[in-house]
Amino acid sequence: LTIAQRWPPRTWSSLLERAVYQSEKLHHAQAASGGRLNIIRTKSDLDSALAGDAVAAILATEGAHPLEGKLENLDRLYIAGYRVLGLHHFFDNELGGSLHGQSGAGLTDFGRAVVIAAEDKGMVIDLAHSSEAVVRDVIDLARTPLIVSHTGLKGDCDNARNIDDALMRDIADRGGLIGVGFWDGAVCETSLQAVVDAIVYAVGLVGADHVALGSDFDGATTTPFDASEMAALTHALMAAGLDEATIAAVMGENQIRFFTERLPAQ
């Protein structure tokens, strides 16, 4: 696909170069946006974005395979603007087991080194798609709050995609965020009500301060509404009995607070 999409030759056989090139594409989009798109690297960037009305974007990996097994490649990702490091996607990698992989393994020695180095840089660790063993290992190892950027809750939707509720509580107890997904693999059906039910369940499980939206919009998933219809979710959460402060927290305030606290100052 990289060749068919006319990506530069350096990306054809390098996962790292593909990640760097995607950052370059986003930076080109920002430059051409006339101030309508801001890439967030620092707390100062976030403060500036919140003061205006531009779209804000934070670069994140979905899987740490762009590291290509080399710790020094973390520097390349950071310089390129990445501030969230998702450890896994749909397959096991050098860091450990994926939730969808074959090994079910925990963090490798390399994985431990990556988590420590990423935290030292001020990067946020994302546990979406990581095996339960990796999640446990990272919880024990991490010194900073963690996120699960897009997921469901096992007690609400009991399937192999969703990790144990006890792990979600452990992440929240350490100041982390749980992003509730909008697709059937996360909430067990493609409907607005299923998303609402999952959010209500998550608030009851980990508390309103630790729940966020994890839509997985514009990926390979099917969602019951798109970004232009978010008011329907707000209305449905009101109908479900959540108070205004809880809804505001879930719909964005929690993420703003989290990244304000976690991003490097400059």
C-alpha atoms as a PDB file:
ATOM      1  CA  LEU A   1       0.000   0.000   0.000  1.00  0.00           C
ATOM      2  CA  THR A   2       2.840   2.422   0.682  1.00  0.00           C
ATOM      3  CA  ILE A   3       3.989   1.976  -2.919  1.00  0.00           C
ATOM      4  CA  ALA A   4       0.459   2.228  -4.337  1.00  0.00           C
ATOM      5  CA  GLN A   5      -0.108   5.439  -2.384  1.00  0.00           C
ATOM      6  CA  ARG A   6       3.198   6.819  -3.729  1.00  0.00           C
ATOM      7  CA  TRP A   7       4.872   7.104  -0.369  1.00  0.00           C
ATOM      8  CA  PRO A   8       8.635   7.767  -0.622  1.00  0.00           C
ATOM      9  CA  PRO A   9      10.908   4.733  -1.101  1.00  0.00           C
ATOM     10  CA  ARG A  10      12.370   5.099   2.405  1.00  0.00           C
ATOM     11  CA  THR A  11       8.992   3.990   3.796  1.00  0.00           C
ATOM     12  CA  TRP A  12       8.615   0.843   1.704  1.00  0.00           C
ATOM     13  CA  SER A  13      10.509  -1.482   4.007  1.00  0.00           C
ATOM     14  CA  SER A  14      10.757   0.508   7.245  1.00  0.00           C
ATOM     15  CA  LEU A  15       8.008   0.740   9.858  1.00  0.00           C
ATOM     16  CA  LEU A  16       9.911   3.573  11.522  1.00  0.00           C
ATOM     17  CA  GLU A  17      10.085   5.619   8.325  1.00  0.00           C
ATOM     18  CA  ARG A  18       6.362   5.077   7.765  1.00  0.00           C
ATOM     19  CA  ALA A  19       5.623   6.530  11.200  1.00  0.00           C
ATOM     20  CA  VAL A  20       7.939   9.481  10.573  1.00  0.00           C
ATOM     21  CA  TYR A  21       6.354  10.077   7.168  1.00  0.00           C
ATOM     22  CA  GLN A  22       2.860  10.088   8.671  1.00  0.00           C
ATOM     23  CA  SER A  23       4.067  12.782  11.065  1.00  0.00           C
ATOM     24  CA  GLU A  24       5.451  14.755   8.137  1.00  0.00           C
ATOM     25  CA  LYS A  25       2.080  14.510   6.363  1.00  0.00           C
ATOM     26  CA  LEU A  26       0.277  15.847   9.426  1.00  0.00           C
ATOM     27  CA  HIS A  27       2.755  18.709   9.750  1.00  0.00           C
ATOM     28  CA  HIS A  28       2.204  19.558   6.073  1.00  0.00           C
ATOM     29  CA  ALA A  29      -1.558  19.571   6.732  1.00  0.00           C
ATOM     30  CA  GLN A  30      -1.023  21.925   9.660  1.00  0.00           C
ATOM     31  CA  ALA A  31       1.075  24.279   7.517  1.00  0.00           C
ATOM     32  CA  ALA A  32      -1.626  24.344   4.845  1.00  0.00           C
ATOM     33  CA  SER A  33      -4.525  24.738   7.277  1.00  0.00           C
ATOM     34  CA  GLY A  34      -4.396  28.487   7.736  1.00  0.00           C
ATOM     35  CA  GLY A  35      -4.359  28.051  11.489  1.00  0.00           C
ATOM     36  CA  ARG A  36      -7.263  25.603  11.565  1.00  0.00           C
ATOM     37  CA  LEU A  37      -5.126  22.633  12.683  1.00  0.00           C
ATOM     38  CA  ASN A  38      -2.664  22.594  15.570  1.00  0.00           C
ATOM     39  CA  ILE A  39      -0.350  19.700  16.415  1.00  0.00           C
ATOM     40  CA  ILE A  40       0.076  19.347  20.160  1.00  0.00           C
ATOM     41  CA  ARG A  41       3.574  18.569  21.425  1.00  0.00           C
ATOM     42  CA  THR A  42       3.662  20.518  24.695  1.00  0.00           C
ATOM     43  CA  LYS A  43       1.399  21.887  27.413  1.00  0.00           C
ATOM     44  CA  SER A  44       1.957  25.315  25.887  1.00  0.00           C
ATOM     45  CA  ASP A  45       0.666  24.033  22.527  1.00  0.00           C
ATOM     46  CA  LEU A  46      -2.422  22.626  24.233  1.00  0.00           C
ATOM     47  CA  ASP A  47      -3.082  25.868  26.106  1.00  0.00           C
ATOM     48  CA  SER A  48      -2.849  27.813  22.844  1.00  0.00           C
ATOM     49  CA  ALA A  49      -5.196  25.402  21.083  1.00  0.00           C
ATOM     50  CA  LEU A  50      -7.757  25.627  23.872  1.00  0.00           C
ATOM     51  CA  ALA A  51      -7.659  29.414  23.685  1.00  0.00           C
ATOM     52  CA  GLY A  52      -8.704  29.289  20.029  1.00  0.00           C
ATOM     53  CA  ASP A  53     -11.045  27.202  17.908  1.00  0.00           C
ATOM     54  CA  ALA A  54      -8.638  25.153  15.772  1.00  0.00           C
ATOM     55  CA  VAL A  55      -8.687  21.372  15.602  1.00  0.00           C
ATOM     56  CA  ALA A  56      -5.976  19.952  17.876  1.00  0.00           C
ATOM     57  CA  ALA A  57      -4.088  16.737  17.083  1.00  0.00           C
ATOM     58  CA  ILE A  58      -1.740  14.620  19.193  1.00  0.00           C
ATOM     59  CA  LEU A  59       0.439  12.114  17.353  1.00  0.00           C
ATOM     60  CA  ALA A  60       0.219   8.577  18.717  1.00  0.00           C
ATOM     61  CA  THR A  61       1.396   5.145  17.660  1.00  0.00           C
ATOM     62  CA  GLU A  62      -1.000   2.210  17.556  1.00  0.00           C
ATOM     63  CA  GLY A  63       1.653  -0.353  18.324  1.00  0.00           C
ATOM     64  CA  ALA A  64       5.347   0.244  19.010  1.00  0.00           C
ATOM     65  CA  HIS A  65       6.497  -1.806  16.009  1.00  0.00           C
ATOM     66  CA  PRO A  66       7.929   1.385  14.394  1.00  0.00           C
ATOM     67  CA  LEU A  67      10.733   1.099  16.947  1.00  0.00           C
ATOM     68  CA  GLU A  68      11.904  -1.926  14.940  1.00  0.00           C
ATOM     69  CA  GLY A  69      13.358  -3.426  18.118  1.00  0.00           C
ATOM     70  CA  LYS A  70      15.760  -0.509  18.701  1.00  0.00           C
ATOM     71  CA  LEU A  71      15.443   1.752  21.736  1.00  0.00           C
ATOM     72  CA  GLU A  72      17.208   4.622  19.973  1.00  0.00           C
ATOM     73  CA  ASN A  73      14.344   4.822  17.481  1.00  0.00           C
ATOM     74  CA  LEU A  74      12.187   6.209  20.283  1.00  0.00           C
ATOM     75  CA  ASP A  75      14.146   9.439  19.847  1.00  0.00           C
ATOM     76  CA  ARG A  76      13.116   9.588  16.176  1.00  0.00           C
ATOM     77  CA  LEU A  77       9.455   9.232  17.087  1.00  0.00           C
ATOM     78  CA  TYR A  78       9.684  11.869  19.799  1.00  0.00           C
ATOM     79  CA  ILE A  79      11.475  14.344  17.533  1.00  0.00           C
ATOM     80  CA  ALA A  80       8.811  13.677  14.882  1.00  0.00           C
ATOM     81  CA  GLY A  81       6.200  14.815  17.400  1.00  0.00           C
ATOM     82  CA  TYR A  82       4.797  11.603  18.833  1.00  0.00           C
ATOM     83  CA  ARG A  83       3.621  12.068  22.418  1.00  0.00           C
ATOM     84  CA  VAL A  84       1.522   8.915  22.940  1.00  0.00           C
ATOM     85  CA  LEU A  85       3.089   5.475  22.608  1.00  0.00           C
ATOM     86  CA  GLY A  86       0.605   2.672  22.058  1.00  0.00           C
ATOM     87  CA  LEU A  87       2.536  -0.501  22.788  1.00  0.00           C
ATOM     88  CA  HIS A  88       0.558  -2.926  20.610  1.00  0.00           C
ATOM     89  CA  HIS A  89      -1.896  -3.380  17.805  1.00  0.00           C
ATOM     90  CA  PHE A  90      -3.123  -6.681  16.371  1.00  0.00           C
ATOM     91  CA  PHE A  91       0.052  -8.736  16.765  1.00  0.00           C
ATOM     92  CA  ASP A  92       2.777  -9.564  19.248  1.00  0.00           C
ATOM     93  CA  ASN A  93       5.926  -7.464  18.926  1.00  0.00           C
ATOM     94  CA  GLU A  94       9.345  -7.022  20.493  1.00  0.00           C
ATOM     95  CA  LEU A  95       7.792  -5.410  23.584  1.00  0.00           C
ATOM     96  CA  GLY A  96       5.527  -8.324  24.489  1.00  0.00           C
ATOM     97  CA  GLY A  97       2.169  -9.888  23.752  1.00  0.00           C
ATOM     98  CA  SER A  98      -0.798  -8.301  22.004  1.00  0.00           C
ATOM     99  CA  LEU A  99      -4.344  -8.874  23.225  1.00  0.00           C
ATOM    100  CA  HIS A 100      -4.970 -10.408  19.796  1.00  0.00           C
ATOM    101  CA  GLY A 101      -1.637 -12.222  19.455  1.00  0.00           C
ATOM    102  CA  GLN A 102      -0.567 -15.800  20.016  1.00  0.00           C
ATOM    103  CA  SER A 103       1.790 -15.589  22.976  1.00  0.00           C
ATOM    104  CA  GLY A 104      -0.233 -13.828  25.666  1.00  0.00           C
ATOM    105  CA  ALA A 105       3.177 -12.831  27.016  1.00  0.00           C
ATOM    106  CA  GLY A 106       4.012  -9.970  29.337  1.00  0.00           C
ATOM    107  CA  LEU A 107       6.631  -7.280  28.834  1.00  0.00           C
ATOM    108  CA  THR A 108       9.996  -8.360  27.503  1.00  0.00           C
ATOM    109  CA  ASP A 109      13.215  -6.774  28.756  1.00  0.00           C
ATOM    110  CA  PHE A 110      13.073  -4.554  25.680  1.00  0.00           C
ATOM    111  CA  GLY A 111       9.489  -3.641  26.490  1.00  0.00           C
ATOM    112  CA  ARG A 112      10.468  -2.617  30.003  1.00  0.00           C
ATOM    113  CA  ALA A 113      13.276  -0.456  28.659  1.00  0.00           C
ATOM    114  CA  VAL A 114      10.884   1.223  26.213  1.00  0.00           C
ATOM    115  CA  VAL A 115       8.283   2.008  28.887  1.00  0.00           C
ATOM    116  CA  ILE A 116      10.928   3.546  31.161  1.00  0.00           C
ATOM    117  CA  ALA A 117      12.507   5.568  28.339  1.00  0.00           C
ATOM    118  CA  ALA A 118       9.138   6.788  27.051  1.00  0.00           C
ATOM    119  CA  GLU A 119       8.124   7.952  30.510  1.00  0.00           C
ATOM    120  CA  ASP A 120      11.462   9.724  30.903  1.00  0.00           C
ATOM    121  CA  LYS A 121      10.641  11.691  27.738  1.00  0.00           C
ATOM    122  CA  GLY A 122       7.185  12.607  29.013  1.00  0.00           C
ATOM    123  CA  MET A 123       5.356  10.332  26.575  1.00  0.00           C
ATOM    124  CA  VAL A 124       2.006   8.799  27.550  1.00  0.00           C
ATOM    125  CA  ILE A 125       1.788   4.991  27.503  1.00  0.00           C
ATOM    126  CA  ASP A 126      -1.345   3.598  25.827  1.00  0.00           C
ATOM    127  CA  LEU A 127      -2.355   0.034  26.743  1.00  0.00           C
ATOM    128  CA  ALA A 128      -5.089  -0.433  24.126  1.00  0.00           C
ATOM    129  CA  HIS A 129      -4.519  -3.783  22.353  1.00  0.00           C
ATOM    130  CA  SER A 130      -1.900  -4.982  24.881  1.00  0.00           C
ATOM    131  CA  SER A 131      -2.257  -8.424  26.459  1.00  0.00           C
ATOM    132  CA  GLU A 132      -3.505  -8.607  30.028  1.00  0.00           C
ATOM    133  CA  ALA A 133      -0.030  -9.792  31.050  1.00  0.00           C
ATOM    134  CA  VAL A 134       1.544  -6.702  29.474  1.00  0.00           C
ATOM    135  CA  VAL A 135      -1.049  -4.487  31.144  1.00  0.00           C
ATOM    136  CA  ARG A 136      -0.224  -5.973  34.553  1.00  0.00           C
ATOM    137  CA  ASP A 137       3.497  -5.562  33.964  1.00  0.00           C
ATOM    138  CA  VAL A 138       3.154  -1.948  32.850  1.00  0.00           C
ATOM    139  CA  ILE A 139       0.923  -1.088  35.816  1.00  0.00           C
ATOM    140  CA  ASP A 140       3.608  -2.466  38.127  1.00  0.00           C
ATOM    141  CA  LEU A 141       6.425  -0.697  36.270  1.00  0.00           C
ATOM    142  CA  ALA A 142       4.981   2.679  35.317  1.00  0.00           C
ATOM    143  CA  ARG A 143       5.644   5.812  37.331  1.00  0.00           C
ATOM    144  CA  THR A 144       3.086   7.972  35.519  1.00  0.00           C
ATOM    145  CA  PRO A 145      -0.647   7.665  34.727  1.00  0.00           C
ATOM    146  CA  LEU A 146      -1.601   5.391  31.819  1.00  0.00           C
ATOM    147  CA  ILE A 147      -4.371   5.376  29.231  1.00  0.00           C
ATOM    148  CA  VAL A 148      -6.395   2.770  27.398  1.00  0.00           C
ATOM    149  CA  SER A 149      -7.292   4.982  24.466  1.00  0.00           C
ATOM    150  CA  HIS A 150     -10.095   2.897  22.928  1.00  0.00           C
ATOM    151  CA  THR A 151     -11.694  -0.095  24.578  1.00  0.00           C
ATOM    152  CA  GLY A 152     -14.809  -1.565  26.115  1.00  0.00           C
ATOM    153  CA  LEU A 153     -15.429  -2.820  29.628  1.00  0.00           C
ATOM    154  CA  LYS A 154     -15.524  -6.566  30.174  1.00  0.00           C
ATOM    155  CA  GLY A 155     -18.285  -6.343  32.767  1.00  0.00           C
ATOM    156  CA  ASP A 156     -20.439  -4.533  30.202  1.00  0.00           C
ATOM    157  CA  CYS A 157     -19.370  -6.451  27.075  1.00  0.00           C
ATOM    158  CA  ASP A 158     -17.729  -9.776  27.874  1.00  0.00           C
ATOM    159  CA  ASN A 159     -15.533 -10.640  24.915  1.00  0.00           C
ATOM    160  CA  ALA A 160     -11.882 -11.252  24.132  1.00  0.00           C
ATOM    161  CA  ARG A 161     -11.340  -7.614  23.074  1.00  0.00           C
ATOM    162  CA  ASN A 162     -11.975  -6.191  26.537  1.00  0.00           C
ATOM    163  CA  ILE A 163      -9.580  -6.714  29.441  1.00  0.00           C
ATOM    164  CA  ASP A 164     -10.541  -7.538  33.015  1.00  0.00           C
ATOM    165  CA  ASP A 165     -12.399  -4.871  34.994  1.00  0.00           C
ATOM    166  CA  ALA A 166      -9.906  -5.177  37.853  1.00  0.00           C
ATOM    167  CA  LEU A 167      -7.138  -3.975  35.530  1.00  0.00           C
ATOM    168  CA  MET A 168      -9.269  -1.006  34.500  1.00  0.00           C
ATOM    169  CA  ARG A 169      -9.686  -0.087  38.164  1.00  0.00           C
ATOM    170  CA  ASP A 170      -5.938  -0.423  38.724  1.00  0.00           C
ATOM    171  CA  ILE A 171      -5.249   1.953  35.818  1.00  0.00           C
ATOM    172  CA  ALA A 172      -7.793   4.460  37.129  1.00  0.00           C
ATOM    173  CA  ASP A 173      -6.495   4.198  40.697  1.00  0.00           C
ATOM    174  CA  ARG A 174      -3.122   5.375  39.376  1.00  0.00           C
ATOM    175  CA  GLY A 175      -4.631   8.430  37.713  1.00  0.00           C
ATOM    176  CA  GLY A 176      -5.235   6.879  34.295  1.00  0.00           C
ATOM    177  CA  LEU A 177      -7.958   7.290  31.671  1.00  0.00           C
ATOM    178  CA  ILE A 178     -10.229   4.709  30.040  1.00  0.00           C
ATOM    179  CA  GLY A 179     -11.448   5.673  26.555  1.00  0.00           C
ATOM    180  CA  VAL A 180     -14.784   3.985  25.798  1.00  0.00           C
ATOM    181  CA  GLY A 181     -15.117   2.814  22.207  1.00  0.00           C
ATOM    182  CA  PHE A 182     -18.105   3.227  19.906  1.00  0.00           C
ATOM    183  CA  TRP A 183     -17.929   0.017  17.833  1.00  0.00           C
ATOM    184  CA  ASP A 184     -19.494  -3.395  18.373  1.00  0.00           C
ATOM    185  CA  GLY A 185     -16.234  -5.107  19.341  1.00  0.00           C
ATOM    186  CA  ALA A 186     -15.998  -2.774  22.327  1.00  0.00           C
ATOM    187  CA  VAL A 187     -19.643  -2.367  23.362  1.00  0.00           C
ATOM    188  CA  CYS A 188     -21.162  -5.538  21.825  1.00  0.00           C
ATOM    189  CA  GLU A 189     -23.432  -3.869  19.266  1.00  0.00           C
ATOM    190  CA  THR A 190     -23.448  -0.949  16.859  1.00  0.00           C
ATOM    191  CA  SER A 191     -25.881   1.410  18.550  1.00  0.00           C
ATOM    192  CA  LEU A 192     -25.930   4.702  20.414  1.00  0.00           C
ATOM    193  CA  GLN A 193     -27.519   3.003  23.422  1.00  0.00           C
ATOM    194  CA  ALA A 194     -24.693   0.462  23.633  1.00  0.00           C
ATOM    195  CA  VAL A 195     -22.157   3.302  23.795  1.00  0.00           C
ATOM    196  CA  VAL A 196     -24.186   5.040  26.501  1.00  0.00           C
ATOM    197  CA  ASP A 197     -24.508   1.824  28.509  1.00  0.00           C
ATOM    198  CA  ALA A 198     -20.740   1.286  28.335  1.00  0.00           C
ATOM    199  CA  ILE A 199     -19.996   4.840  29.480  1.00  0.00           C
ATOM    200  CA  VAL A 200     -22.458   4.578  32.371  1.00  0.00           C
ATOM    201  CA  TYR A 201     -20.900   1.257  33.366  1.00  0.00           C
ATOM    202  CA  ALA A 202     -17.383   2.706  33.167  1.00  0.00           C
ATOM    203  CA  VAL A 203     -18.324   5.689  35.340  1.00  0.00           C
ATOM    204  CA  GLY A 204     -19.711   3.298  37.931  1.00  0.00           C
ATOM    205  CA  LEU A 205     -16.616   1.110  37.777  1.00  0.00           C
ATOM    206  CA  VAL A 206     -13.750   3.619  37.842  1.00  0.00           C
ATOM    207  CA  GLY A 207     -15.347   6.992  38.586  1.00  0.00           C
ATOM    208  CA  ALA A 208     -16.307   9.915  36.383  1.00  0.00           C
ATOM    209  CA  ASP A 209     -12.814  11.458  36.483  1.00  0.00           C
ATOM    210  CA  HIS A 210     -11.267   8.479  34.691  1.00  0.00           C
ATOM    211  CA  VAL A 211     -13.606   7.947  31.720  1.00  0.00           C
ATOM    212  CA  ALA A 212     -13.162   9.506  28.279  1.00  0.00           C
ATOM    213  CA  LEU A 213     -14.310   8.981  24.704  1.00  0.00           C
ATOM    214  CA  GLY A 214     -12.361   6.412  22.695  1.00  0.00           C
ATOM    215  CA  SER A 215     -14.435   6.360  19.528  1.00  0.00           C
ATOM    216  CA  ASP A 216     -11.967   4.776  17.072  1.00  0.00           C
ATOM    217  CA  PHE A 217     -13.502   7.085  14.473  1.00  0.00           C
ATOM    218  CA  ASP A 218     -12.265   6.882  10.874  1.00  0.00           C
ATOM    219  CA  GLY A 219     -10.651   3.489  11.268  1.00  0.00           C
ATOM    220  CA  ALA A 220     -11.823   0.108  10.039  1.00  0.00           C
ATOM    221  CA  THR A 221     -14.684  -0.026  12.549  1.00  0.00           C
ATOM    222  CA  THR A 222     -18.352   0.810  12.051  1.00  0.00           C
ATOM    223  CA  THR A 223     -19.808   3.287  14.536  1.00  0.00           C
ATOM    224  CA  PRO A 224     -23.473   4.272  15.039  1.00  0.00           C
ATOM    225  CA  PHE A 225     -22.789   7.999  14.543  1.00  0.00           C
ATOM    226  CA  ASP A 226     -19.962  10.242  13.363  1.00  0.00           C
ATOM    227  CA  ALA A 227     -18.204  13.321  14.717  1.00  0.00           C
ATOM    228  CA  SER A 228     -20.933  15.624  13.382  1.00  0.00           C
ATOM    229  CA  GLU A 229     -23.508  13.853  15.555  1.00  0.00           C
ATOM    230  CA  MET A 230     -21.795  14.000  18.957  1.00  0.00           C
ATOM    231  CA  ALA A 231     -24.676  16.040  20.351  1.00  0.00           C
ATOM    232  CA  ALA A 232     -26.769  12.872  20.108  1.00  0.00           C
ATOM    233  CA  LEU A 233     -24.397  11.184  22.557  1.00  0.00           C
ATOM    234  CA  THR A 234     -24.602  14.124  24.966  1.00  0.00           C
ATOM    235  CA  HIS A 235     -28.403  14.007  24.817  1.00  0.00           C
ATOM    236  CA  ALA A 236     -28.443  10.248  25.377  1.00  0.00           C
ATOM    237  CA  LEU A 237     -26.119  10.536  28.392  1.00  0.00           C
ATOM    238  CA  MET A 238     -28.471  13.137  29.859  1.00  0.00           C
ATOM    239  CA  ALA A 239     -31.407  10.798  29.269  1.00  0.00           C
ATOM    240  CA  ALA A 240     -29.461   8.029  31.015  1.00  0.00           C
ATOM    241  CA  GLY A 241     -29.346  10.149  34.164  1.00  0.00           C
ATOM    242  CA  LEU A 242     -25.747  11.342  34.225  1.00  0.00           C
ATOM    243  CA  ASP A 243     -25.325  14.812  35.700  1.00  0.00           C
ATOM    244  CA  GLU A 244     -23.902  17.761  33.781  1.00  0.00           C
ATOM    245  CA  ALA A 245     -20.500  17.662  35.491  1.00  0.00           C
ATOM    246  CA  THR A 246     -20.044  13.961  34.724  1.00  0.00           C
ATOM    247  CA  ILE A 247     -21.057  14.394  31.087  1.00  0.00           C
ATOM    248  CA  ALA A 248     -18.685  17.346  30.647  1.00  0.00           C
ATOM    249  CA  ALA A 249     -15.857  15.335  32.194  1.00  0.00           C
ATOM    250  CA  VAL A 250     -16.416  12.328  29.937  1.00  0.00           C
ATOM    251  CA  MET A 251     -16.971  14.377  26.778  1.00  0.00           C
ATOM    252  CA  GLY A 252     -13.612  16.126  27.011  1.00  0.00           C
ATOM    253  CA  GLU A 253     -12.645  17.722  30.297  1.00  0.00           C
ATOM    254  CA  ASN A 254     -10.897  14.588  31.558  1.00  0.00           C
ATOM    255  CA  GLN A 255      -8.706  14.360  28.470  1.00  0.00           C
ATOM    256  CA  ILE A 256      -7.837  18.059  28.643  1.00  0.00           C
ATOM    257  CA  ARG A 257      -6.851  17.728  32.301  1.00  0.00           C
ATOM    258  CA  PHE A 258      -4.875  14.545  31.680  1.00  0.00           C
ATOM    259  CA  PHE A 259      -2.794  15.933  28.826  1.00  0.00           C
ATOM    260  CA  THR A 260      -2.344  19.285  30.553  1.00  0.00           C
ATOM    261  CA  GLU A 261      -0.757  17.380  33.427  1.00  0.00           C
ATOM    262  CA  ARG A 262       1.209  14.902  31.319  1.00  0.00           C
ATOM    263  CA  LEU A 263       2.584  16.826  28.338  1.00  0.00           C
ATOM    264  CA  PRO A 264       6.030  18.426  28.649  1.00  0.00           C
ATOM    265  CA  ALA A 265       5.810  22.125  29.524  1.00  0.00           C
ATOM    266  CA  GLN A 266       7.765  23.298  26.460  1.00  0.00           C
END
